[in-house]
């Protein structure tokens, strides 16, 4: 439902406002949930369910956020941010959520598509000119990659990025010369280079396959995020 935002953030919590004392905050949330048409007791049951998982050791901690029409009706932290160090989870605790970010950034791209600000079937070079005229490695008679490059049947599109069919890869899959080059250049590192630097390095490498001809879970969604940022 488009007007209901439901996020069970088991790996990240983001504070939406300055902390409010417990009882006062409970009263505010209860009032908001009533106005938004939620059953307060059922909302509390969600918190109890997550607390039970913490007590059973199934998860160290969680942050739950439910909002409707811009009104927060439930926002609670449960358990531990660091169980070993006994650091309690806070609503403002932030955790890396790795590939779960793909869900969030893809929704952002789809919203741009709905607003006619993003052409999903357009070549990615329309938005990321660094990735213009990408090549693929020619194969020998045995199907092994050679050092000779050729043009693919077509250039990757934004849709290819969203579906992991663009021809990119990750370095941590079974090693081959191309993935080794990804690792050497630090293509998927986010702590030691800017997005522009990453794209410039990626542009020096061939595609793993001709766009649209195969599927490979890859860095494609990172590039798709850069596309959204360009809009």
Protein backbone atom coordinates (compact mmCIF):
# COMPACT_ATOMS: atom_id res chain seq x y z
CA UNK A 1 0.00 0.00 0.00
CA UNK A 2 1.55 3.24 -1.18
CA UNK A 3 0.58 5.32 1.85
CA UNK A 4 1.95 2.87 4.39
CA UNK A 5 5.68 2.71 5.02
CA UNK A 6 6.63 -0.37 7.00
CA UNK A 7 10.23 -1.08 7.82
CA UNK A 8 11.46 -3.78 10.17
CA UNK A 9 15.04 -2.60 10.32
CA UNK A 10 16.86 -5.53 11.86
CA UNK A 11 20.21 -4.12 10.85
CA UNK A 12 19.83 -0.35 10.95
CA UNK A 13 17.95 2.30 12.85
CA UNK A 14 17.63 5.94 11.88
CA UNK A 15 16.30 8.54 14.28
CA UNK A 16 13.59 10.70 12.74
CA UNK A 17 13.52 13.27 15.49
CA UNK A 18 15.27 14.30 18.67
CA UNK A 19 14.78 11.83 21.54
CA UNK A 20 11.69 12.35 23.67
CA UNK A 21 11.43 11.12 27.28
CA UNK A 22 9.95 7.61 27.41
CA UNK A 23 6.47 8.23 28.80
CA UNK A 24 5.95 11.39 26.75
CA UNK A 25 7.10 9.63 23.60
CA UNK A 26 4.79 6.69 24.29
CA UNK A 27 1.87 9.08 24.59
CA UNK A 28 2.79 10.83 21.34
CA UNK A 29 3.11 7.53 19.47
CA UNK A 30 -0.13 6.20 20.93
CA UNK A 31 -1.97 9.32 19.79
CA UNK A 32 -0.41 9.14 16.33
CA UNK A 33 -1.26 5.45 15.95
CA UNK A 34 -4.86 6.12 16.89
CA UNK A 35 -5.13 8.96 14.38
CA UNK A 36 -3.54 6.79 11.68
CA UNK A 37 -6.02 3.99 12.27
CA UNK A 38 -3.71 1.47 13.94
CA UNK A 39 -4.51 -0.73 16.94
CA UNK A 40 -2.04 0.32 19.63
CA UNK A 41 -2.10 -3.09 21.30
CA UNK A 42 -1.25 -4.84 18.04
CA UNK A 43 1.63 -2.45 17.51
CA UNK A 44 2.92 -3.32 20.97
CA UNK A 45 2.70 -7.00 20.01
CA UNK A 46 5.29 -6.36 17.29
CA UNK A 47 7.71 -5.04 19.89
CA UNK A 48 7.01 -8.02 22.18
CA UNK A 49 7.62 -10.42 19.27
CA UNK A 50 11.01 -8.85 18.53
CA UNK A 51 11.90 -8.81 22.24
CA UNK A 52 11.09 -12.52 22.41
CA UNK A 53 13.52 -13.16 19.54
CA UNK A 54 16.21 -11.24 21.43
CA UNK A 55 15.50 -13.18 24.63
CA UNK A 56 15.75 -16.48 22.74
CA UNK A 57 19.07 -15.44 21.20
CA UNK A 58 17.69 -15.54 17.65
CA UNK A 59 18.84 -11.95 17.01
CA UNK A 60 20.96 -9.61 19.15
CA UNK A 61 18.79 -6.57 18.52
CA UNK A 62 16.47 -4.71 16.22
CA UNK A 63 14.95 -1.35 15.40
CA UNK A 64 11.36 -1.27 14.17
CA UNK A 65 9.77 1.69 12.41
CA UNK A 66 6.21 1.89 11.11
CA UNK A 67 4.74 5.06 9.61
CA UNK A 68 1.60 6.00 7.72
CA UNK A 69 1.02 9.24 5.85
CA UNK A 70 4.13 10.74 7.39
CA UNK A 71 3.12 9.91 10.98
CA UNK A 72 5.36 7.58 12.96
CA UNK A 73 3.16 5.09 14.79
CA UNK A 74 5.88 2.80 16.10
CA UNK A 75 9.60 3.40 16.47
CA UNK A 76 11.35 1.22 19.03
CA UNK A 77 14.81 -0.19 19.72
CA UNK A 78 15.07 -3.68 21.17
CA UNK A 79 18.05 -5.63 22.47
CA UNK A 80 21.71 -4.95 21.80
CA UNK A 81 23.68 -2.95 19.26
CA UNK A 82 26.73 -4.93 20.46
CA UNK A 83 25.75 -7.88 22.61
CA UNK A 84 29.32 -8.82 23.56
CA UNK A 85 30.08 -5.30 24.81
CA UNK A 86 26.58 -4.88 26.30
CA UNK A 87 25.86 -1.80 24.21
CA UNK A 88 22.07 -1.33 24.07
CA UNK A 89 20.36 -0.80 20.75
CA UNK A 90 19.19 2.77 20.21
CA UNK A 91 16.68 4.11 17.73
CA UNK A 92 19.57 6.12 16.30
CA UNK A 93 21.93 3.13 16.01
CA UNK A 94 23.26 2.78 12.48
CA UNK A 95 24.49 -0.51 11.00
CA UNK A 96 25.77 -1.52 7.63
CA UNK A 97 23.04 -3.44 5.81
CA UNK A 98 25.14 -4.48 2.81
CA UNK A 99 23.06 -5.64 -0.15
CA UNK A 100 19.79 -4.77 1.57
CA UNK A 101 20.51 -1.22 0.40
CA UNK A 102 19.71 -2.47 -3.11
CA UNK A 103 16.03 -2.64 -2.17
CA UNK A 104 16.01 0.95 -0.98
CA UNK A 105 17.94 2.44 -3.89
CA UNK A 106 15.88 0.50 -6.44
CA UNK A 107 12.67 1.95 -4.99
CA UNK A 108 14.28 5.40 -5.36
CA UNK A 109 15.00 4.64 -9.03
CA UNK A 110 11.43 3.47 -9.62
CA UNK A 111 10.12 6.69 -8.13
CA UNK A 112 12.29 8.63 -10.57
CA UNK A 113 10.86 6.48 -13.36
CA UNK A 114 7.31 7.30 -12.23
CA UNK A 115 8.22 10.99 -12.35
CA UNK A 116 9.56 10.56 -15.90
CA UNK A 117 13.03 11.56 -14.72
CA UNK A 118 14.71 8.25 -15.48
CA UNK A 119 14.64 6.19 -18.68
CA UNK A 120 15.12 2.59 -17.61
CA UNK A 121 15.74 1.32 -21.15
CA UNK A 122 18.35 3.99 -21.91
CA UNK A 123 22.07 3.13 -22.15
CA UNK A 124 23.78 3.79 -18.84
CA UNK A 125 26.20 6.16 -20.59
CA UNK A 126 23.32 8.62 -20.88
CA UNK A 127 23.67 9.14 -17.13
CA UNK A 128 27.20 7.87 -16.51
CA UNK A 129 29.30 9.09 -19.46
CA UNK A 130 32.39 7.44 -17.95
CA UNK A 131 30.87 4.09 -18.96
CA UNK A 132 30.49 4.84 -22.65
CA UNK A 133 31.46 2.28 -25.30
CA UNK A 134 32.23 -0.58 -22.93
CA UNK A 135 33.87 -3.67 -24.44
CA UNK A 136 33.82 -7.42 -23.88
CA UNK A 137 36.67 -9.90 -24.14
CA UNK A 138 36.74 -12.05 -27.24
CA UNK A 139 36.64 -15.81 -26.65
CA UNK A 140 38.89 -18.41 -28.25
CA UNK A 141 37.68 -21.64 -29.81
CA UNK A 142 37.53 -23.24 -26.36
CA UNK A 143 35.42 -20.46 -24.95
CA UNK A 144 38.21 -18.92 -22.88
CA UNK A 145 38.60 -15.13 -22.70
CA UNK A 146 41.43 -13.61 -24.69
CA UNK A 147 43.17 -10.26 -24.34
CA UNK A 148 41.44 -8.98 -27.49
CA UNK A 149 38.42 -6.73 -26.94
CA UNK A 150 35.30 -6.32 -29.04
CA UNK A 151 32.07 -4.36 -28.92
CA UNK A 152 29.15 -6.17 -27.23
CA UNK A 153 25.90 -6.71 -29.12
CA UNK A 154 24.61 -3.61 -27.31
CA UNK A 155 25.58 -1.34 -24.44
CA UNK A 156 24.12 -1.99 -20.95
CA UNK A 157 20.92 -0.19 -20.00
CA UNK A 158 19.59 1.04 -16.68
CA UNK A 159 17.20 -1.91 -16.74
CA UNK A 160 20.21 -4.24 -17.09
CA UNK A 161 21.72 -2.66 -13.99
CA UNK A 162 18.50 -3.23 -12.04
CA UNK A 163 18.34 -6.90 -13.09
CA UNK A 164 22.05 -7.78 -12.85
CA UNK A 165 22.28 -8.43 -16.60
CA UNK A 166 24.60 -5.54 -17.48
CA UNK A 167 27.81 -7.57 -17.70
CA UNK A 168 29.46 -6.52 -14.44
CA UNK A 169 30.64 -8.81 -11.63
CA UNK A 170 32.05 -8.92 -8.07
CA UNK A 171 35.64 -9.76 -7.20
CA UNK A 172 34.70 -12.29 -4.50
CA UNK A 173 33.15 -14.83 -6.86
CA UNK A 174 35.41 -17.71 -8.08
CA UNK A 175 38.52 -15.99 -9.35
CA UNK A 176 39.23 -15.34 -12.98
CA UNK A 177 41.43 -12.65 -14.58
CA UNK A 178 38.61 -10.08 -14.73
CA UNK A 179 37.53 -10.55 -11.10
CA UNK A 180 41.17 -10.38 -10.03
CA UNK A 181 41.35 -6.99 -11.75
CA UNK A 182 38.21 -5.87 -9.88
CA UNK A 183 39.96 -6.79 -6.62
CA UNK A 184 43.23 -5.12 -7.63
CA UNK A 185 41.47 -1.84 -8.47
CA UNK A 186 39.22 -2.02 -5.41
CA UNK A 187 36.14 -1.54 -7.58
CA UNK A 188 33.58 -2.17 -4.84
CA UNK A 189 35.41 -0.29 -2.10
CA UNK A 190 33.53 2.68 -0.66
CA UNK A 191 36.07 3.77 1.93
CA UNK A 192 39.00 4.86 -0.20
CA UNK A 193 37.64 6.48 -3.37
CA UNK A 194 34.86 8.67 -4.65
CA UNK A 195 32.08 7.49 -6.94
CA UNK A 196 33.72 9.29 -9.86
CA UNK A 197 37.02 7.54 -9.19
CA UNK A 198 35.31 4.16 -9.03
CA UNK A 199 33.50 4.74 -12.33
CA UNK A 200 36.72 5.83 -14.01
CA UNK A 201 38.44 2.63 -12.90
CA UNK A 202 35.49 0.48 -13.91
CA UNK A 203 35.53 2.03 -17.38
CA UNK A 204 39.01 0.56 -17.95
CA UNK A 205 37.73 -3.01 -17.57
CA UNK A 206 35.79 -5.16 -20.04
CA UNK A 207 32.34 -6.49 -19.33
CA UNK A 208 32.03 -10.08 -18.13
CA UNK A 209 29.48 -10.83 -20.86
CA UNK A 210 27.40 -9.07 -23.47
CA UNK A 211 24.57 -7.13 -21.74
CA UNK A 212 21.26 -8.94 -21.53
CA UNK A 213 22.70 -12.37 -22.33
CA UNK A 214 23.31 -13.62 -18.77
CA UNK A 215 22.70 -12.90 -15.09
CA UNK A 216 25.43 -12.20 -12.58
CA UNK A 217 24.96 -10.67 -9.14
CA UNK A 218 27.27 -7.72 -9.30
CA UNK A 219 28.28 -4.16 -8.66
CA UNK A 220 25.58 -3.13 -11.15
CA UNK A 221 23.27 -1.86 -8.41
CA UNK A 222 26.01 0.45 -7.15
CA UNK A 223 26.16 1.99 -10.60
CA UNK A 224 22.37 2.18 -10.73
CA UNK A 225 22.53 4.20 -7.50
CA UNK A 226 25.00 6.57 -9.16
CA UNK A 227 22.49 6.91 -12.01
CA UNK A 228 19.79 7.96 -9.53
CA UNK A 229 22.14 10.47 -7.92
CA UNK A 230 22.73 12.04 -11.33
CA UNK A 231 19.02 12.79 -11.66
